[in-house]
Amino acid sequence: MGVVPPGHASRVTVTGGVVRVGARFTDAENTIRAPGFVRVDAGASVAISPAWRLQLTVDNLSDTRYITGG
């Protein structure tokens, strides 16, 4: 884990999010149902210049298996 030098904290941004999708049908006839899921995401970025920002985002931190479509 890195340490942010004094005076540079405003250059660093940490983000996070939770996505919840309920159970839903995956076909036009509404006969196939996909279960709901919860996904946790996180990210961090640092300004490397006034015009550029370096960003890392990780989706699905818990490695949850889910169906995205039918």
N, C-alpha and C. Protein backbone atom coordinates (compact mmCIF):
# COMPACT_ATOMS: atom_id res chain seq x y z
N MET A 1 0.85 -1.17 0.00
CA MET A 1 0.00 0.00 0.00
C MET A 1 0.89 1.24 0.00
N GLY A 2 0.64 2.15 -0.89
CA GLY A 2 1.45 3.35 -1.00
C GLY A 2 1.04 4.42 -0.02
N VAL A 3 1.91 5.37 0.17
CA VAL A 3 1.65 6.51 1.03
C VAL A 3 1.63 7.75 0.17
N VAL A 4 0.60 8.58 0.33
CA VAL A 4 0.48 9.81 -0.45
C VAL A 4 1.32 10.90 0.23
N PRO A 5 2.25 11.51 -0.52
CA PRO A 5 3.07 12.56 0.08
C PRO A 5 2.22 13.74 0.53
N PRO A 6 2.65 14.48 1.57
CA PRO A 6 1.90 15.65 2.03
C PRO A 6 1.69 16.65 0.90
N GLY A 7 0.50 17.22 0.83
CA GLY A 7 0.18 18.20 -0.20
C GLY A 7 -0.29 17.61 -1.51
N HIS A 8 -0.31 16.28 -1.62
CA HIS A 8 -0.71 15.64 -2.87
C HIS A 8 -2.03 14.88 -2.74
N ALA A 9 -2.69 14.96 -1.60
CA ALA A 9 -3.92 14.19 -1.39
C ALA A 9 -5.00 14.55 -2.39
N SER A 10 -5.07 15.79 -2.82
CA SER A 10 -6.12 16.18 -3.77
C SER A 10 -5.89 15.57 -5.15
N ARG A 11 -4.72 15.05 -5.42
CA ARG A 11 -4.43 14.40 -6.70
C ARG A 11 -4.97 12.99 -6.76
N VAL A 12 -5.27 12.39 -5.60
CA VAL A 12 -5.68 10.99 -5.53
C VAL A 12 -7.19 10.91 -5.29
N THR A 13 -7.86 10.06 -6.06
CA THR A 13 -9.29 9.83 -5.90
C THR A 13 -9.53 8.34 -5.73
N VAL A 14 -10.35 7.97 -4.76
CA VAL A 14 -10.73 6.57 -4.54
C VAL A 14 -12.24 6.48 -4.73
N THR A 15 -12.68 5.47 -5.49
CA THR A 15 -14.10 5.31 -5.77
C THR A 15 -14.56 3.89 -5.44
N GLY A 16 -15.84 3.73 -5.29
CA GLY A 16 -16.42 2.42 -5.04
C GLY A 16 -17.88 2.43 -5.42
N GLY A 17 -18.42 1.26 -5.63
CA GLY A 17 -19.82 1.18 -5.99
C GLY A 17 -20.37 -0.21 -5.78
N VAL A 18 -21.68 -0.27 -5.63
CA VAL A 18 -22.39 -1.53 -5.51
C VAL A 18 -23.48 -1.53 -6.58
N VAL A 19 -23.53 -2.60 -7.36
CA VAL A 19 -24.55 -2.76 -8.39
C VAL A 19 -25.45 -3.92 -7.98
N ARG A 20 -26.75 -3.65 -7.89
CA ARG A 20 -27.70 -4.72 -7.58
C ARG A 20 -28.67 -4.84 -8.74
N VAL A 21 -28.81 -6.06 -9.25
CA VAL A 21 -29.75 -6.35 -10.33
C VAL A 21 -30.69 -7.43 -9.83
N GLY A 22 -31.98 -7.18 -9.91
CA GLY A 22 -32.97 -8.15 -9.46
C GLY A 22 -33.17 -9.26 -10.49
N ALA A 23 -33.90 -10.28 -10.09
CA ALA A 23 -34.22 -11.39 -11.00
C ALA A 23 -34.98 -10.82 -12.20
N ARG A 24 -34.73 -11.41 -13.37
CA ARG A 24 -35.37 -10.91 -14.57
C ARG A 24 -35.50 -12.03 -15.60
N PHE A 25 -36.41 -11.82 -16.54
CA PHE A 25 -36.59 -12.78 -17.62
C PHE A 25 -35.57 -12.50 -18.72
N THR A 26 -35.10 -13.58 -19.38
CA THR A 26 -34.07 -13.41 -20.39
C THR A 26 -34.54 -13.76 -21.80
N ASP A 27 -35.81 -14.09 -21.93
CA ASP A 27 -36.33 -14.41 -23.27
C ASP A 27 -37.61 -13.64 -23.52
N ALA A 28 -38.01 -13.56 -24.80
CA ALA A 28 -39.19 -12.77 -25.19
C ALA A 28 -40.49 -13.35 -24.63
N GLU A 29 -40.53 -14.66 -24.39
CA GLU A 29 -41.75 -15.30 -23.90
C GLU A 29 -41.87 -15.26 -22.38
N ASN A 30 -40.86 -14.73 -21.71
CA ASN A 30 -40.82 -14.67 -20.24
C ASN A 30 -40.95 -16.05 -19.60
N THR A 31 -40.17 -17.01 -20.11
CA THR A 31 -40.20 -18.35 -19.54
C THR A 31 -38.87 -18.72 -18.87
N ILE A 32 -37.80 -18.01 -19.22
CA ILE A 32 -36.48 -18.29 -18.63
C ILE A 32 -36.12 -17.12 -17.72
N ARG A 33 -35.88 -17.45 -16.46
CA ARG A 33 -35.63 -16.41 -15.47
C ARG A 33 -34.17 -16.49 -14.99
N ALA A 34 -33.48 -15.36 -15.02
CA ALA A 34 -32.11 -15.27 -14.51
C ALA A 34 -32.18 -14.73 -13.08
N PRO A 35 -31.39 -15.29 -12.17
CA PRO A 35 -31.43 -14.81 -10.79
C PRO A 35 -30.78 -13.43 -10.67
N GLY A 36 -31.13 -12.73 -9.60
CA GLY A 36 -30.53 -11.44 -9.33
C GLY A 36 -29.11 -11.60 -8.79
N PHE A 37 -28.38 -10.50 -8.71
CA PHE A 37 -27.03 -10.54 -8.17
C PHE A 37 -26.63 -9.17 -7.64
N VAL A 38 -25.58 -9.18 -6.83
CA VAL A 38 -24.97 -7.95 -6.32
C VAL A 38 -23.49 -7.99 -6.70
N ARG A 39 -23.00 -6.89 -7.27
CA ARG A 39 -21.60 -6.80 -7.68
C ARG A 39 -20.97 -5.59 -6.98
N VAL A 40 -19.73 -5.75 -6.51
CA VAL A 40 -19.01 -4.67 -5.83
C VAL A 40 -17.83 -4.25 -6.71
N ASP A 41 -17.72 -2.93 -6.96
CA ASP A 41 -16.66 -2.39 -7.80
C ASP A 41 -15.83 -1.38 -6.99
N ALA A 42 -14.59 -1.17 -7.40
CA ALA A 42 -13.72 -0.19 -6.74
C ALA A 42 -12.75 0.39 -7.75
N GLY A 43 -12.22 1.56 -7.42
CA GLY A 43 -11.26 2.17 -8.33
C GLY A 43 -10.44 3.23 -7.62
N ALA A 44 -9.40 3.64 -8.28
CA ALA A 44 -8.54 4.72 -7.77
C ALA A 44 -7.93 5.42 -8.96
N SER A 45 -7.68 6.71 -8.80
CA SER A 45 -7.02 7.47 -9.86
C SER A 45 -6.08 8.49 -9.24
N VAL A 46 -5.12 8.92 -10.04
CA VAL A 46 -4.17 9.93 -9.61
C VAL A 46 -3.92 10.88 -10.77
N ALA A 47 -3.92 12.17 -10.47
CA ALA A 47 -3.62 13.18 -11.49
C ALA A 47 -2.12 13.20 -11.71
N ILE A 48 -1.70 12.93 -12.95
CA ILE A 48 -0.26 12.93 -13.24
C ILE A 48 0.19 14.24 -13.87
N SER A 49 -0.79 15.06 -14.25
CA SER A 49 -0.52 16.41 -14.74
C SER A 49 -1.86 17.15 -14.71
N PRO A 50 -1.88 18.45 -14.97
CA PRO A 50 -3.17 19.16 -15.00
C PRO A 50 -4.13 18.62 -16.06
N ALA A 51 -3.61 18.02 -17.12
CA ALA A 51 -4.46 17.55 -18.20
C ALA A 51 -4.67 16.03 -18.22
N TRP A 52 -3.91 15.28 -17.43
CA TRP A 52 -3.97 13.81 -17.50
C TRP A 52 -4.19 13.19 -16.13
N ARG A 53 -4.99 12.12 -16.13
CA ARG A 53 -5.27 11.37 -14.91
C ARG A 53 -5.11 9.89 -15.23
N LEU A 54 -4.43 9.15 -14.37
CA LEU A 54 -4.24 7.72 -14.52
C LEU A 54 -5.26 7.03 -13.62
N GLN A 55 -6.03 6.07 -14.19
CA GLN A 55 -7.13 5.46 -13.44
C GLN A 55 -7.06 3.94 -13.53
N LEU A 56 -7.39 3.28 -12.42
CA LEU A 56 -7.52 1.83 -12.36
C LEU A 56 -8.89 1.52 -11.77
N THR A 57 -9.66 0.69 -12.47
CA THR A 57 -10.99 0.31 -12.00
C THR A 57 -11.07 -1.21 -11.99
N VAL A 58 -11.61 -1.76 -10.91
CA VAL A 58 -11.80 -3.21 -10.79
C VAL A 58 -13.29 -3.46 -10.59
N ASP A 59 -13.90 -4.17 -11.54
CA ASP A 59 -15.30 -4.55 -11.42
C ASP A 59 -15.40 -5.95 -10.83
N ASN A 60 -16.45 -6.18 -10.05
CA ASN A 60 -16.74 -7.50 -9.50
C ASN A 60 -15.63 -8.00 -8.57
N LEU A 61 -15.35 -7.23 -7.55
CA LEU A 61 -14.30 -7.58 -6.58
C LEU A 61 -14.51 -8.94 -5.92
N SER A 62 -15.76 -9.30 -5.68
CA SER A 62 -16.06 -10.56 -5.00
C SER A 62 -16.11 -11.74 -5.97
N ASP A 63 -15.85 -11.51 -7.27
CA ASP A 63 -15.83 -12.56 -8.27
C ASP A 63 -17.16 -13.31 -8.34
N THR A 64 -18.26 -12.56 -8.21
CA THR A 64 -19.60 -13.13 -8.27
C THR A 64 -19.90 -13.58 -9.70
N ARG A 65 -20.46 -14.78 -9.85
CA ARG A 65 -20.87 -15.25 -11.18
C ARG A 65 -22.31 -14.81 -11.41
N TYR A 66 -22.56 -14.23 -12.58
CA TYR A 66 -23.91 -13.77 -12.89
C TYR A 66 -24.15 -13.82 -14.39
N ILE A 67 -25.43 -13.80 -14.76
CA ILE A 67 -25.85 -13.85 -16.16
C ILE A 67 -26.15 -12.42 -16.59
N THR A 68 -25.54 -11.99 -17.71
CA THR A 68 -25.76 -10.63 -18.18
C THR A 68 -26.84 -10.53 -19.24
N GLY A 69 -27.18 -11.62 -19.89
CA GLY A 69 -28.20 -11.59 -20.92
C GLY A 69 -28.71 -12.98 -21.25
N GLY A 70 -29.73 -13.05 -22.11
CA GLY A 70 -30.34 -14.33 -22.40
C GLY A 70 -29.88 -14.94 -23.68
